[in-house]
Each structure stands twice: as C-alpha cells, then as structure tokens.
Amino acid sequence: MNNPIGEAEIRPVAVIRDGLLDRLKVQSGIKSDEAFARLVGVSRPTLARYKAGEEVSMRAAVGIALAFGLGLGEVVEMRSDDNAMAVAS
C-alpha cells in the first residue's frame, strides 16, 4: 500500500490457529511429528515453525484443511506481522 507520510505499515499474515495442529495430531492418533508432518504435506521443521506461530503458506493451509476435512477458516487466522513492518517509500 502507498503510505505518503512514511509511517510503518503492519502486514497481515495467515497463521495456523493456536493449538490446532496438536489437537489434530492427537485426534488422528499419530504419535510422531514426522508422520504428522508427512500427512499434512510439510517437513517436520516447517511443522514446528507453524506450531510456533509463523506464517503459513496457502499450500500448507489447504493441505491441512483437506487432510482433516476442515475449511480454511477453521485452519488459519489472520494476525498482524510485527516482524514484517516496512516503511513505504
């Protein structure tokens, strides 16, 4: 967006809803993060980043939704990304 006065802008990002991945893992009966990550189509390190609240890719969000029969709105929520603040020129 154009910000003529040079104020910092906060960019919204999609993140996995808090606790969702752990609940889905328990409900599915999967024991390891490695197996759960394979089920939803991501690597174990990526799964850990999503659990920590980092931005999720659309591909991963859709993979999680499809794997568990959920809508995207049940999987992700929008948050402001305080780490991605940029000053518009």
PDB file of N, CA and C in Angstrom:
ATOM      1  N   MET A   1       0.829  -1.186   0.000  1.00  0.00           N
ATOM      2  CA  MET A   1       0.000   0.000   0.000  1.00  0.00           C
ATOM      3  C   MET A   1       0.869   1.243   0.000  1.00  0.00           C
ATOM      4  N   ASN A   2       0.356   2.298  -0.551  1.00  0.00           N
ATOM      5  CA  ASN A   2       1.070   3.553  -0.572  1.00  0.00           C
ATOM      6  C   ASN A   2       0.844   4.283   0.749  1.00  0.00           C
ATOM      7  N   ASN A   3       1.915   4.677   1.387  1.00  0.00           N
ATOM      8  CA  ASN A   3       1.846   5.348   2.675  1.00  0.00           C
ATOM      9  C   ASN A   3       2.609   6.661   2.545  1.00  0.00           C
ATOM     10  N   PRO A   4       1.923   7.761   2.175  1.00  0.00           N
ATOM     11  CA  PRO A   4       2.613   9.012   1.848  1.00  0.00           C
ATOM     12  C   PRO A   4       3.324   9.677   3.021  1.00  0.00           C
ATOM     13  N   ILE A   5       2.960   9.374   4.244  1.00  0.00           N
ATOM     14  CA  ILE A   5       3.617  10.060   5.356  1.00  0.00           C
ATOM     15  C   ILE A   5       4.736   9.234   5.975  1.00  0.00           C
ATOM     16  N   GLY A   6       5.044   8.067   5.391  1.00  0.00           N
ATOM     17  CA  GLY A   6       6.196   7.291   5.824  1.00  0.00           C
ATOM     18  C   GLY A   6       6.007   6.530   7.111  1.00  0.00           C
ATOM     19  N   GLU A   7       4.779   6.306   7.530  1.00  0.00           N
ATOM     20  CA  GLU A   7       4.551   5.530   8.743  1.00  0.00           C
ATOM     21  C   GLU A   7       4.751   4.047   8.454  1.00  0.00           C
ATOM     22  N   ALA A   8       5.123   3.324   9.490  1.00  0.00           N
ATOM     23  CA  ALA A   8       5.289   1.883   9.348  1.00  0.00           C
ATOM     24  C   ALA A   8       3.933   1.240   9.108  1.00  0.00           C
ATOM     25  N   GLU A   9       3.916   0.272   8.205  1.00  0.00           N
ATOM     26  CA  GLU A   9       2.693  -0.465   7.923  1.00  0.00           C
ATOM     27  C   GLU A   9       2.812  -1.858   8.511  1.00  0.00           C
ATOM     28  N   ILE A  10       1.729  -2.370   9.032  1.00  0.00           N
ATOM     29  CA  ILE A  10       1.711  -3.721   9.559  1.00  0.00           C
ATOM     30  C   ILE A  10       1.017  -4.604   8.536  1.00  0.00           C
ATOM     31  N   ARG A  11       1.689  -5.663   8.130  1.00  0.00           N
ATOM     32  CA  ARG A  11       1.186  -6.568   7.102  1.00  0.00           C
ATOM     33  C   ARG A  11       0.471  -7.741   7.766  1.00  0.00           C
ATOM     34  N   PRO A  12      -0.779  -8.000   7.400  1.00  0.00           N
ATOM     35  CA  PRO A  12      -1.468  -9.160   7.964  1.00  0.00           C
ATOM     36  C   PRO A  12      -0.909 -10.449   7.379  1.00  0.00           C
ATOM     37  N   VAL A  13      -0.814 -11.480   8.208  1.00  0.00           N
ATOM     38  CA  VAL A  13      -0.336 -12.787   7.763  1.00  0.00           C
ATOM     39  C   VAL A  13      -1.288 -13.865   8.251  1.00  0.00           C
ATOM     40  N   ALA A  14      -1.317 -14.975   7.525  1.00  0.00           N
ATOM     41  CA  ALA A  14      -2.119 -16.126   7.929  1.00  0.00           C
ATOM     42  C   ALA A  14      -1.258 -17.057   8.776  1.00  0.00           C
ATOM     43  N   VAL A  15      -1.796 -17.457   9.919  1.00  0.00           N
ATOM     44  CA  VAL A  15      -1.121 -18.412  10.802  1.00  0.00           C
ATOM     45  C   VAL A  15      -2.108 -19.510  11.164  1.00  0.00           C
ATOM     46  N   ILE A  16      -1.575 -20.656  11.534  1.00  0.00           N
ATOM     47  CA  ILE A  16      -2.424 -21.760  11.981  1.00  0.00           C
ATOM     48  C   ILE A  16      -3.012 -21.389  13.336  1.00  0.00           C
ATOM     49  N   ARG A  17      -4.283 -21.664  13.525  1.00  0.00           N
ATOM     50  CA  ARG A  17      -4.944 -21.365  14.802  1.00  0.00           C
ATOM     51  C   ARG A  17      -4.198 -22.034  15.954  1.00  0.00           C
ATOM     52  N   ASP A  18      -4.083 -21.312  17.065  1.00  0.00           N
ATOM     53  CA  ASP A  18      -3.360 -21.800  18.236  1.00  0.00           C
ATOM     54  C   ASP A  18      -3.866 -23.172  18.676  1.00  0.00           C
ATOM     55  N   GLY A  19      -2.936 -24.098  18.837  1.00  0.00           N
ATOM     56  CA  GLY A  19      -3.245 -25.420  19.352  1.00  0.00           C
ATOM     57  C   GLY A  19      -3.885 -26.381  18.360  1.00  0.00           C
ATOM     58  N   LEU A  20      -4.248 -25.899  17.180  1.00  0.00           N
ATOM     59  CA  LEU A  20      -4.955 -26.752  16.226  1.00  0.00           C
ATOM     60  C   LEU A  20      -4.125 -27.962  15.810  1.00  0.00           C
ATOM     61  N   LEU A  21      -2.863 -27.749  15.480  1.00  0.00           N
ATOM     62  CA  LEU A  21      -2.044 -28.857  14.994  1.00  0.00           C
ATOM     63  C   LEU A  21      -1.892 -29.946  16.053  1.00  0.00           C
ATOM     64  N   ASP A  22      -1.702 -29.561  17.297  1.00  0.00           N
ATOM     65  CA  ASP A  22      -1.592 -30.557  18.366  1.00  0.00           C
ATOM     66  C   ASP A  22      -2.907 -31.310  18.559  1.00  0.00           C
ATOM     67  N   ARG A  23      -4.039 -30.603  18.494  1.00  0.00           N
ATOM     68  CA  ARG A  23      -5.337 -31.274  18.635  1.00  0.00           C
ATOM     69  C   ARG A  23      -5.571 -32.254  17.488  1.00  0.00           C
ATOM     70  N   LEU A  24      -5.246 -31.836  16.266  1.00  0.00           N
ATOM     71  CA  LEU A  24      -5.433 -32.717  15.121  1.00  0.00           C
ATOM     72  C   LEU A  24      -4.530 -33.945  15.215  1.00  0.00           C
ATOM     73  N   LYS A  25      -3.318 -33.748  15.683  1.00  0.00           N
ATOM     74  CA  LYS A  25      -2.380 -34.867  15.834  1.00  0.00           C
ATOM     75  C   LYS A  25      -2.926 -35.878  16.835  1.00  0.00           C
ATOM     76  N   VAL A  26      -3.417 -35.412  17.964  1.00  0.00           N
ATOM     77  CA  VAL A  26      -3.982 -36.303  18.980  1.00  0.00           C
ATOM     78  C   VAL A  26      -5.217 -37.020  18.430  1.00  0.00           C
ATOM     79  N   GLN A  27      -6.113 -36.267  17.806  1.00  0.00           N
ATOM     80  CA  GLN A  27      -7.344 -36.852  17.271  1.00  0.00           C
ATOM     81  C   GLN A  27      -7.068 -37.902  16.203  1.00  0.00           C
ATOM     82  N   SER A  28      -6.008 -37.712  15.440  1.00  0.00           N
ATOM     83  CA  SER A  28      -5.694 -38.651  14.360  1.00  0.00           C
ATOM     84  C   SER A  28      -4.955 -39.886  14.871  1.00  0.00           C
ATOM     85  N   GLY A  29      -4.470 -39.831  16.108  1.00  0.00           N
ATOM     86  CA  GLY A  29      -3.755 -40.970  16.676  1.00  0.00           C
ATOM     87  C   GLY A  29      -2.318 -41.101  16.208  1.00  0.00           C
ATOM     88  N   ILE A  30      -1.835 -40.091  15.525  1.00  0.00           N
ATOM     89  CA  ILE A  30      -0.446 -40.123  15.042  1.00  0.00           C
ATOM     90  C   ILE A  30       0.479 -39.782  16.205  1.00  0.00           C
ATOM     91  N   LYS A  31       1.533 -40.573  16.352  1.00  0.00           N
ATOM     92  CA  LYS A  31       2.432 -40.406  17.502  1.00  0.00           C
ATOM     93  C   LYS A  31       3.573 -39.419  17.259  1.00  0.00           C
ATOM     94  N   SER A  32       4.127 -39.404  16.055  1.00  0.00           N
ATOM     95  CA  SER A  32       5.320 -38.584  15.823  1.00  0.00           C
ATOM     96  C   SER A  32       5.013 -37.338  14.996  1.00  0.00           C
ATOM     97  N   ASP A  33       5.788 -36.286  15.258  1.00  0.00           N
ATOM     98  CA  ASP A  33       5.665 -35.072  14.453  1.00  0.00           C
ATOM     99  C   ASP A  33       6.061 -35.342  13.005  1.00  0.00           C
ATOM    100  N   GLU A  34       7.028 -36.235  12.804  1.00  0.00           N
ATOM    101  CA  GLU A  34       7.477 -36.564  11.442  1.00  0.00           C
ATOM    102  C   GLU A  34       6.325 -37.148  10.625  1.00  0.00           C
ATOM    103  N   ALA A  35       5.596 -38.100  11.191  1.00  0.00           N
ATOM    104  CA  ALA A  35       4.478 -38.724  10.484  1.00  0.00           C
ATOM    105  C   ALA A  35       3.345 -37.725  10.270  1.00  0.00           C
ATOM    106  N   PHE A  36       3.090 -36.904  11.267  1.00  0.00           N
ATOM    107  CA  PHE A  36       2.028 -35.910  11.142  1.00  0.00           C
ATOM    108  C   PHE A  36       2.382 -34.894  10.063  1.00  0.00           C
ATOM    109  N   ALA A  37       3.632 -34.469  10.025  1.00  0.00           N
ATOM    110  CA  ALA A  37       4.084 -33.514   9.005  1.00  0.00           C
ATOM    111  C   ALA A  37       3.899 -34.104   7.606  1.00  0.00           C
ATOM    112  N   ARG A  38       4.258 -35.380   7.431  1.00  0.00           N
ATOM    113  CA  ARG A  38       4.072 -36.035   6.126  1.00  0.00           C
ATOM    114  C   ARG A  38       2.595 -36.063   5.742  1.00  0.00           C
ATOM    115  N   LEU A  39       1.721 -36.333   6.707  1.00  0.00           N
ATOM    116  CA  LEU A  39       0.285 -36.390   6.427  1.00  0.00           C
ATOM    117  C   LEU A  39      -0.235 -35.071   5.874  1.00  0.00           C
ATOM    118  N   VAL A  40       0.242 -33.957   6.440  1.00  0.00           N
ATOM    119  CA  VAL A  40      -0.262 -32.650   6.001  1.00  0.00           C
ATOM    120  C   VAL A  40       0.586 -32.034   4.891  1.00  0.00           C
ATOM    121  N   GLY A  41       1.659 -32.728   4.488  1.00  0.00           N
ATOM    122  CA  GLY A  41       2.428 -32.308   3.321  1.00  0.00           C
ATOM    123  C   GLY A  41       3.514 -31.281   3.567  1.00  0.00           C
ATOM    124  N   VAL A  42       4.089 -31.268   4.784  1.00  0.00           N
ATOM    125  CA  VAL A  42       5.190 -30.350   5.090  1.00  0.00           C
ATOM    126  C   VAL A  42       6.307 -31.128   5.773  1.00  0.00           C
ATOM    127  N   SER A  43       7.454 -30.500   5.919  1.00  0.00           N
ATOM    128  CA  SER A  43       8.559 -31.124   6.646  1.00  0.00           C
ATOM    129  C   SER A  43       8.356 -30.927   8.150  1.00  0.00           C
ATOM    130  N   ARG A  44       9.072 -31.714   8.949  1.00  0.00           N
ATOM    131  CA  ARG A  44       8.965 -31.571  10.399  1.00  0.00           C
ATOM    132  C   ARG A  44       9.419 -30.188  10.871  1.00  0.00           C
ATOM    133  N   PRO A  45      10.533 -29.641  10.333  1.00  0.00           N
ATOM    134  CA  PRO A  45      10.916 -28.283  10.745  1.00  0.00           C
ATOM    135  C   PRO A  45       9.857 -27.231  10.380  1.00  0.00           C
ATOM    136  N   THR A  46       9.218 -27.396   9.225  1.00  0.00           N
ATOM    137  CA  THR A  46       8.162 -26.466   8.830  1.00  0.00           C
ATOM    138  C   THR A  46       6.977 -26.593   9.775  1.00  0.00           C
ATOM    139  N   LEU A  47       6.615 -27.808  10.127  1.00  0.00           N
ATOM    140  CA  LEU A  47       5.531 -28.030  11.089  1.00  0.00           C
ATOM    141  C   LEU A  47       5.838 -27.318  12.406  1.00  0.00           C
ATOM    142  N   ALA A  48       7.076 -27.420  12.870  1.00  0.00           N
ATOM    143  CA  ALA A  48       7.478 -26.756  14.119  1.00  0.00           C
ATOM    144  C   ALA A  48       7.335 -25.241  13.997  1.00  0.00           C
ATOM    145  N   ARG A  49       7.679 -24.680  12.839  1.00  0.00           N
ATOM    146  CA  ARG A  49       7.533 -23.233  12.646  1.00  0.00           C
ATOM    147  C   ARG A  49       6.063 -22.830  12.687  1.00  0.00           C
ATOM    148  N   TYR A  50       5.204 -23.628  12.064  1.00  0.00           N
ATOM    149  CA  TYR A  50       3.774 -23.322  12.086  1.00  0.00           C
ATOM    150  C   TYR A  50       3.221 -23.412  13.503  1.00  0.00           C
ATOM    151  N   LYS A  51       3.681 -24.390  14.268  1.00  0.00           N
ATOM    152  CA  LYS A  51       3.244 -24.513  15.663  1.00  0.00           C
ATOM    153  C   LYS A  51       3.691 -23.306  16.486  1.00  0.00           C
ATOM    154  N   ALA A  52       4.827 -22.726  16.106  1.00  0.00           N
ATOM    155  CA  ALA A  52       5.365 -21.568  16.822  1.00  0.00           C
ATOM    156  C   ALA A  52       4.695 -20.258  16.405  1.00  0.00           C
ATOM    157  N   GLY A  53       3.768 -20.340  15.443  1.00  0.00           N
ATOM    158  CA  GLY A  53       3.021 -19.151  15.052  1.00  0.00           C
ATOM    159  C   GLY A  53       3.561 -18.410  13.854  1.00  0.00           C
ATOM    160  N   GLU A  54       4.480 -19.024  13.110  1.00  0.00           N
ATOM    161  CA  GLU A  54       4.990 -18.363  11.909  1.00  0.00           C
ATOM    162  C   GLU A  54       3.970 -18.440  10.777  1.00  0.00           C
ATOM    163  N   GLU A  55       4.141 -17.574   9.808  1.00  0.00           N
ATOM    164  CA  GLU A  55       3.223 -17.503   8.674  1.00  0.00           C
ATOM    165  C   GLU A  55       3.154 -18.834   7.937  1.00  0.00           C
ATOM    166  N   VAL A  56       1.939 -19.236   7.590  1.00  0.00           N
ATOM    167  CA  VAL A  56       1.712 -20.492   6.891  1.00  0.00           C
ATOM    168  C   VAL A  56       1.481 -20.210   5.404  1.00  0.00           C
ATOM    169  N   SER A  57       2.000 -21.089   4.557  1.00  0.00           N
ATOM    170  CA  SER A  57       1.757 -20.946   3.121  1.00  0.00           C
ATOM    171  C   SER A  57       0.331 -21.390   2.812  1.00  0.00           C
ATOM    172  N   MET A  58      -0.207 -20.883   1.727  1.00  0.00           N
ATOM    173  CA  MET A  58      -1.548 -21.285   1.309  1.00  0.00           C
ATOM    174  C   MET A  58      -1.568 -22.780   1.006  1.00  0.00           C
ATOM    175  N   ARG A  59      -0.516 -23.279   0.384  1.00  0.00           N
ATOM    176  CA  ARG A  59      -0.436 -24.704   0.048  1.00  0.00           C
ATOM    177  C   ARG A  59      -0.517 -25.567   1.304  1.00  0.00           C
ATOM    178  N   ALA A  60       0.210 -25.190   2.343  1.00  0.00           N
ATOM    179  CA  ALA A  60       0.189 -25.965   3.586  1.00  0.00           C
ATOM    180  C   ALA A  60      -1.168 -25.859   4.276  1.00  0.00           C
ATOM    181  N   ALA A  61      -1.747 -24.666   4.297  1.00  0.00           N
ATOM    182  CA  ALA A  61      -3.059 -24.481   4.929  1.00  0.00           C
ATOM    183  C   ALA A  61      -4.113 -25.332   4.231  1.00  0.00           C
ATOM    184  N   VAL A  62      -4.070 -25.368   2.908  1.00  0.00           N
ATOM    185  CA  VAL A  62      -5.019 -26.185   2.145  1.00  0.00           C
ATOM    186  C   VAL A  62      -4.761 -27.668   2.414  1.00  0.00           C
ATOM    187  N   GLY A  63      -3.499 -28.062   2.497  1.00  0.00           N
ATOM    188  CA  GLY A  63      -3.158 -29.456   2.788  1.00  0.00           C
ATOM    189  C   GLY A  63      -3.707 -29.908   4.126  1.00  0.00           C
ATOM    190  N   ILE A  64      -3.589 -29.058   5.132  1.00  0.00           N
ATOM    191  CA  ILE A  64      -4.121 -29.374   6.461  1.00  0.00           C
ATOM    192  C   ILE A  64      -5.639 -29.461   6.406  1.00  0.00           C
ATOM    193  N   ALA A  65      -6.258 -28.496   5.748  1.00  0.00           N
ATOM    194  CA  ALA A  65      -7.719 -28.489   5.640  1.00  0.00           C
ATOM    195  C   ALA A  65      -8.216 -29.752   4.931  1.00  0.00           C
ATOM    196  N   LEU A  66      -7.596 -30.120   3.825  1.00  0.00           N
ATOM    197  CA  LEU A  66      -8.023 -31.302   3.083  1.00  0.00           C
ATOM    198  C   LEU A  66      -7.788 -32.596   3.867  1.00  0.00           C
ATOM    199  N   ALA A  67      -6.662 -32.674   4.548  1.00  0.00           N
ATOM    200  CA  ALA A  67      -6.326 -33.889   5.301  1.00  0.00           C
ATOM    201  C   ALA A  67      -7.335 -34.171   6.412  1.00  0.00           C
ATOM    202  N   PHE A  68      -7.945 -33.111   6.947  1.00  0.00           N
ATOM    203  CA  PHE A  68      -8.836 -33.292   8.088  1.00  0.00           C
ATOM    204  C   PHE A  68     -10.273 -32.856   7.827  1.00  0.00           C
ATOM    205  N   GLY A  69     -10.603 -32.565   6.572  1.00  0.00           N
ATOM    206  CA  GLY A  69     -11.969 -32.200   6.234  1.00  0.00           C
ATOM    207  C   GLY A  69     -12.423 -30.891   6.859  1.00  0.00           C
ATOM    208  N   LEU A  70     -11.513 -29.929   6.938  1.00  0.00           N
ATOM    209  CA  LEU A  70     -11.812 -28.628   7.538  1.00  0.00           C
ATOM    210  C   LEU A  70     -11.871 -27.551   6.463  1.00  0.00           C
ATOM    211  N   GLY A  71     -12.532 -26.459   6.759  1.00  0.00           N
ATOM    212  CA  GLY A  71     -12.490 -25.289   5.907  1.00  0.00           C
ATOM    213  C   GLY A  71     -11.260 -24.465   6.246  1.00  0.00           C
ATOM    214  N   LEU A  72     -10.817 -23.645   5.313  1.00  0.00           N
ATOM    215  CA  LEU A  72      -9.627 -22.813   5.575  1.00  0.00           C
ATOM    216  C   LEU A  72      -9.813 -21.919   6.794  1.00  0.00           C
ATOM    217  N   GLY A  73     -11.019 -21.403   6.979  1.00  0.00           N
ATOM    218  CA  GLY A  73     -11.287 -20.546   8.128  1.00  0.00           C
ATOM    219  C   GLY A  73     -11.160 -21.263   9.464  1.00  0.00           C
ATOM    220  N   GLU A  74     -11.269 -22.586   9.429  1.00  0.00           N
ATOM    221  CA  GLU A  74     -11.083 -23.373  10.647  1.00  0.00           C
ATOM    222  C   GLU A  74      -9.608 -23.651  10.911  1.00  0.00           C
ATOM    223  N   VAL A  75      -8.784 -23.497   9.889  1.00  0.00           N
ATOM    224  CA  VAL A  75      -7.361 -23.806   9.991  1.00  0.00           C
ATOM    225  C   VAL A  75      -6.525 -22.563  10.282  1.00  0.00           C
ATOM    226  N   VAL A  76      -6.812 -21.466   9.599  1.00  0.00           N
ATOM    227  CA  VAL A  76      -5.973 -20.275   9.727  1.00  0.00           C
ATOM    228  C   VAL A  76      -6.731 -19.097  10.325  1.00  0.00           C
ATOM    229  N   GLU A  77      -5.966 -18.186  10.871  1.00  0.00           N
ATOM    230  CA  GLU A  77      -6.486 -16.895  11.302  1.00  0.00           C
ATOM    231  C   GLU A  77      -5.493 -15.836  10.858  1.00  0.00           C
ATOM    232  N   MET A  78      -5.978 -14.636  10.695  1.00  0.00           N
ATOM    233  CA  MET A  78      -5.114 -13.539  10.273  1.00  0.00           C
ATOM    234  C   MET A  78      -4.603 -12.789  11.495  1.00  0.00           C
ATOM    235  N   ARG A  79      -3.316 -12.474  11.466  1.00  0.00           N
ATOM    236  CA  ARG A  79      -2.683 -11.690  12.531  1.00  0.00           C
ATOM    237  C   ARG A  79      -1.821 -10.622  11.882  1.00  0.00           C
ATOM    238  N   SER A  80      -1.526  -9.594  12.652  1.00  0.00           N
ATOM    239  CA  SER A  80      -0.586  -8.596  12.139  1.00  0.00           C
ATOM    240  C   SER A  80       0.815  -9.139  12.355  1.00  0.00           C
ATOM    241  N   ASP A  81       1.665  -8.928  11.379  1.00  0.00           N
ATOM    242  CA  ASP A  81       3.040  -9.400  11.442  1.00  0.00           C
ATOM    243  C   ASP A  81       3.929  -8.262  11.906  1.00  0.00           C
ATOM    244  N   ASP A  82       4.194  -8.202  13.193  1.00  0.00           N
ATOM    245  CA  ASP A  82       5.018  -7.137  13.744  1.00  0.00           C
ATOM    246  C   ASP A  82       6.458  -7.208  13.240  1.00  0.00           C
ATOM    247  N   ASN A  83       6.876  -8.389  12.800  1.00  0.00           N
ATOM    248  CA  ASN A  83       8.236  -8.550  12.301  1.00  0.00           C
ATOM    249  C   ASN A  83       8.378  -8.161  10.839  1.00  0.00           C
ATOM    250  N   ALA A  84       7.256  -7.962  10.151  1.00  0.00           N
ATOM    251  CA  ALA A  84       7.313  -7.637   8.723  1.00  0.00           C
ATOM    252  C   ALA A  84       6.910  -6.187   8.471  1.00  0.00           C
ATOM    253  N   MET A  85       7.171  -5.343   9.436  1.00  0.00           N
ATOM    254  CA  MET A  85       6.826  -3.924   9.268  1.00  0.00           C
ATOM    255  C   MET A  85       7.793  -3.296   8.273  1.00  0.00           C
ATOM    256  N   ALA A  86       7.254  -2.496   7.401  1.00  0.00           N
ATOM    257  CA  ALA A  86       8.089  -1.840   6.394  1.00  0.00           C
ATOM    258  C   ALA A  86       7.655  -0.391   6.256  1.00  0.00           C
ATOM    259  N   VAL A  87       8.610   0.437   5.993  1.00  0.00           N
ATOM    260  CA  VAL A  87       8.300   1.844   5.762  1.00  0.00           C
ATOM    261  C   VAL A  87       8.115   2.031   4.265  1.00  0.00           C
ATOM    262  N   ALA A  88       6.979   2.528   3.901  1.00  0.00           N
ATOM    263  CA  ALA A  88       6.698   2.754   2.467  1.00  0.00           C
ATOM    264  C   ALA A  88       7.506   3.942   1.976  1.00  0.00           C
ATOM    265  N   SER A  89       7.927   3.840   0.735  1.00  0.00           N
ATOM    266  CA  SER A  89       8.705   4.952   0.171  1.00  0.00           C
ATOM    267  C   SER A  89       7.849   5.881  -0.629  1.00  0.00           C
TER     268      SER A  89
END
